[in-house]
Amino acid sequence: MNTINPNKLYNSKWTATQPRNKEKHFIVTKLLRNEEEQVVEVVIEAVHSNREITLAWQELTDASVWKMGWK
């Protein structure tokens, strides 16, 4: 997978490779930063249900779980 710039993740779209509860497509709605203003976590929202999930931004680099864009 391409390298990801965490500062540019806001509003990016992601597809779960193993959808659960009909939640397949997600959008990054928040970037959570530490004291040094580095992105440490992101909040993603399921398009289908509007459920929010907080995860470390590095988890999006796992191609077995996430694909960039909506497929």
N, C-alpha and C. Protein backbone atom coordinates (compact mmCIF):
# COMPACT_ATOMS: atom_id res chain seq x y z
N MET A 1 0.84 -1.18 0.00
CA MET A 1 0.00 0.00 0.00
C MET A 1 0.88 1.24 0.00
N ASN A 2 0.36 2.32 -0.54
CA ASN A 2 1.07 3.58 -0.54
C ASN A 2 1.26 4.08 0.89
N THR A 3 2.28 4.91 1.07
CA THR A 3 2.47 5.50 2.39
C THR A 3 1.36 6.52 2.63
N ILE A 4 1.00 6.69 3.87
CA ILE A 4 -0.10 7.57 4.24
C ILE A 4 0.45 8.74 5.03
N ASN A 5 0.07 9.95 4.64
CA ASN A 5 0.41 11.14 5.40
C ASN A 5 -0.73 11.37 6.39
N PRO A 6 -0.52 11.18 7.69
CA PRO A 6 -1.62 11.29 8.65
C PRO A 6 -2.28 12.66 8.68
N ASN A 7 -1.53 13.71 8.31
CA ASN A 7 -2.11 15.05 8.30
C ASN A 7 -3.12 15.26 7.18
N LYS A 8 -3.14 14.37 6.20
CA LYS A 8 -4.05 14.50 5.07
C LYS A 8 -5.19 13.49 5.10
N LEU A 9 -5.40 12.84 6.23
CA LEU A 9 -6.44 11.82 6.34
C LEU A 9 -7.85 12.39 6.49
N TYR A 10 -7.98 13.63 6.95
CA TYR A 10 -9.30 14.21 7.19
C TYR A 10 -10.15 14.15 5.91
N ASN A 11 -11.37 13.64 6.04
CA ASN A 11 -12.34 13.47 4.94
C ASN A 11 -11.94 12.38 3.94
N SER A 12 -10.91 11.59 4.25
CA SER A 12 -10.56 10.51 3.33
C SER A 12 -11.56 9.37 3.48
N LYS A 13 -11.71 8.59 2.41
CA LYS A 13 -12.70 7.51 2.38
C LYS A 13 -11.98 6.16 2.44
N TRP A 14 -12.61 5.22 3.15
CA TRP A 14 -12.02 3.89 3.36
C TRP A 14 -13.09 2.83 3.23
N THR A 15 -12.68 1.65 2.76
CA THR A 15 -13.57 0.50 2.63
C THR A 15 -13.05 -0.62 3.52
N ALA A 16 -13.93 -1.17 4.34
CA ALA A 16 -13.57 -2.32 5.18
C ALA A 16 -13.55 -3.57 4.32
N THR A 17 -12.52 -4.38 4.44
CA THR A 17 -12.44 -5.60 3.63
C THR A 17 -13.39 -6.68 4.16
N GLN A 18 -13.72 -6.62 5.46
CA GLN A 18 -14.65 -7.56 6.08
C GLN A 18 -15.79 -6.76 6.73
N PRO A 19 -16.78 -6.33 5.95
CA PRO A 19 -17.85 -5.51 6.52
C PRO A 19 -18.61 -6.23 7.63
N ARG A 20 -19.01 -5.44 8.64
CA ARG A 20 -19.82 -5.96 9.73
C ARG A 20 -21.03 -5.05 9.88
N ASN A 21 -22.18 -5.63 10.15
CA ASN A 21 -23.43 -4.88 10.32
C ASN A 21 -23.72 -3.96 9.14
N LYS A 22 -23.42 -4.43 7.94
CA LYS A 22 -23.62 -3.66 6.70
C LYS A 22 -22.76 -2.40 6.64
N GLU A 23 -21.76 -2.30 7.51
CA GLU A 23 -20.87 -1.15 7.52
C GLU A 23 -19.62 -1.48 6.70
N LYS A 24 -19.59 -0.95 5.50
CA LYS A 24 -18.49 -1.22 4.59
C LYS A 24 -17.70 0.04 4.28
N HIS A 25 -18.39 1.15 4.09
CA HIS A 25 -17.75 2.41 3.72
C HIS A 25 -17.66 3.35 4.91
N PHE A 26 -16.49 3.96 5.05
CA PHE A 26 -16.21 4.85 6.17
C PHE A 26 -15.54 6.12 5.66
N ILE A 27 -15.68 7.19 6.45
CA ILE A 27 -15.02 8.46 6.16
C ILE A 27 -14.36 8.96 7.45
N VAL A 28 -13.16 9.51 7.32
CA VAL A 28 -12.46 10.05 8.48
C VAL A 28 -13.07 11.40 8.82
N THR A 29 -13.60 11.53 10.05
CA THR A 29 -14.28 12.75 10.45
C THR A 29 -13.49 13.62 11.42
N LYS A 30 -12.48 13.02 12.09
CA LYS A 30 -11.67 13.79 13.04
C LYS A 30 -10.26 13.24 13.07
N LEU A 31 -9.31 14.14 13.31
CA LEU A 31 -7.93 13.77 13.56
C LEU A 31 -7.64 14.13 15.01
N LEU A 32 -7.20 13.17 15.79
CA LEU A 32 -6.89 13.40 17.20
C LEU A 32 -5.38 13.53 17.34
N ARG A 33 -4.93 14.64 17.93
CA ARG A 33 -3.50 14.96 18.00
C ARG A 33 -3.00 14.94 19.44
N ASN A 34 -1.70 14.73 19.58
CA ASN A 34 -1.07 14.77 20.91
C ASN A 34 -0.56 16.19 21.19
N GLU A 35 0.21 16.36 22.27
CA GLU A 35 0.70 17.68 22.67
C GLU A 35 1.63 18.30 21.63
N GLU A 36 2.32 17.47 20.85
CA GLU A 36 3.23 17.97 19.81
C GLU A 36 2.51 18.19 18.48
N GLU A 37 1.18 18.11 18.50
CA GLU A 37 0.34 18.32 17.30
C GLU A 37 0.53 17.23 16.25
N GLN A 38 0.99 16.06 16.65
CA GLN A 38 1.11 14.93 15.73
C GLN A 38 -0.19 14.12 15.78
N VAL A 39 -0.64 13.67 14.64
CA VAL A 39 -1.84 12.85 14.58
C VAL A 39 -1.53 11.49 15.21
N VAL A 40 -2.34 11.10 16.20
CA VAL A 40 -2.14 9.81 16.86
C VAL A 40 -3.31 8.87 16.62
N GLU A 41 -4.51 9.42 16.48
CA GLU A 41 -5.69 8.60 16.22
C GLU A 41 -6.62 9.33 15.25
N VAL A 42 -7.50 8.55 14.64
CA VAL A 42 -8.53 9.12 13.77
C VAL A 42 -9.89 8.60 14.22
N VAL A 43 -10.92 9.38 13.94
CA VAL A 43 -12.29 8.94 14.16
C VAL A 43 -12.87 8.70 12.78
N ILE A 44 -13.33 7.46 12.55
CA ILE A 44 -13.96 7.15 11.27
C ILE A 44 -15.45 6.92 11.52
N GLU A 45 -16.26 7.32 10.55
CA GLU A 45 -17.71 7.19 10.68
C GLU A 45 -18.24 6.30 9.56
N ALA A 46 -19.05 5.33 9.94
CA ALA A 46 -19.67 4.45 8.96
C ALA A 46 -20.74 5.23 8.19
N VAL A 47 -20.70 5.16 6.89
CA VAL A 47 -21.65 5.89 6.07
C VAL A 47 -23.06 5.35 6.25
N HIS A 48 -23.18 4.04 6.40
CA HIS A 48 -24.50 3.39 6.50
C HIS A 48 -25.21 3.71 7.82
N SER A 49 -24.48 3.67 8.93
CA SER A 49 -25.12 3.79 10.25
C SER A 49 -24.71 5.04 11.03
N ASN A 50 -23.72 5.76 10.56
CA ASN A 50 -23.17 6.93 11.26
C ASN A 50 -22.49 6.58 12.57
N ARG A 51 -22.19 5.30 12.78
CA ARG A 51 -21.47 4.88 13.99
C ARG A 51 -20.01 5.30 13.87
N GLU A 52 -19.47 5.83 14.96
CA GLU A 52 -18.09 6.30 14.97
C GLU A 52 -17.17 5.29 15.65
N ILE A 53 -15.96 5.17 15.10
CA ILE A 53 -14.94 4.28 15.65
C ILE A 53 -13.65 5.10 15.75
N THR A 54 -12.98 5.00 16.89
CA THR A 54 -11.68 5.65 17.06
C THR A 54 -10.60 4.59 16.97
N LEU A 55 -9.58 4.85 16.14
CA LEU A 55 -8.48 3.91 16.00
C LEU A 55 -7.19 4.65 15.69
N ALA A 56 -6.08 3.99 15.96
CA ALA A 56 -4.77 4.57 15.63
C ALA A 56 -4.70 4.70 14.11
N TRP A 57 -4.20 5.82 13.62
CA TRP A 57 -4.20 6.04 12.17
C TRP A 57 -3.38 4.98 11.44
N GLN A 58 -2.39 4.39 12.11
CA GLN A 58 -1.56 3.37 11.48
C GLN A 58 -2.35 2.12 11.11
N GLU A 59 -3.48 1.89 11.79
CA GLU A 59 -4.30 0.71 11.47
C GLU A 59 -4.84 0.78 10.04
N LEU A 60 -4.97 1.98 9.48
CA LEU A 60 -5.46 2.12 8.11
C LEU A 60 -4.46 1.60 7.08
N THR A 61 -3.22 1.39 7.50
CA THR A 61 -2.21 0.88 6.56
C THR A 61 -2.29 -0.64 6.39
N ASP A 62 -3.10 -1.31 7.20
CA ASP A 62 -3.25 -2.77 7.10
C ASP A 62 -4.19 -3.10 5.94
N ALA A 63 -3.62 -3.51 4.82
CA ALA A 63 -4.39 -3.78 3.60
C ALA A 63 -5.33 -4.97 3.75
N SER A 64 -5.10 -5.82 4.77
CA SER A 64 -6.01 -6.94 4.97
C SER A 64 -7.30 -6.50 5.66
N VAL A 65 -7.32 -5.27 6.21
CA VAL A 65 -8.49 -4.75 6.92
C VAL A 65 -9.12 -3.56 6.19
N TRP A 66 -8.29 -2.68 5.63
CA TRP A 66 -8.78 -1.44 5.02
C TRP A 66 -8.24 -1.25 3.61
N LYS A 67 -9.09 -0.72 2.74
CA LYS A 67 -8.69 -0.32 1.39
C LYS A 67 -8.99 1.15 1.23
N MET A 68 -8.07 1.88 0.63
CA MET A 68 -8.24 3.31 0.43
C MET A 68 -9.34 3.56 -0.61
N GLY A 69 -10.23 4.49 -0.32
CA GLY A 69 -11.31 4.82 -1.24
C GLY A 69 -12.52 3.92 -1.00
N TRP A 70 -13.57 4.19 -1.77
CA TRP A 70 -14.80 3.38 -1.67
C TRP A 70 -14.83 2.45 -2.86
N LYS A 71 -14.79 1.16 -2.60
CA LYS A 71 -14.75 0.15 -3.65
C LYS A 71 -16.06 -0.60 -3.72
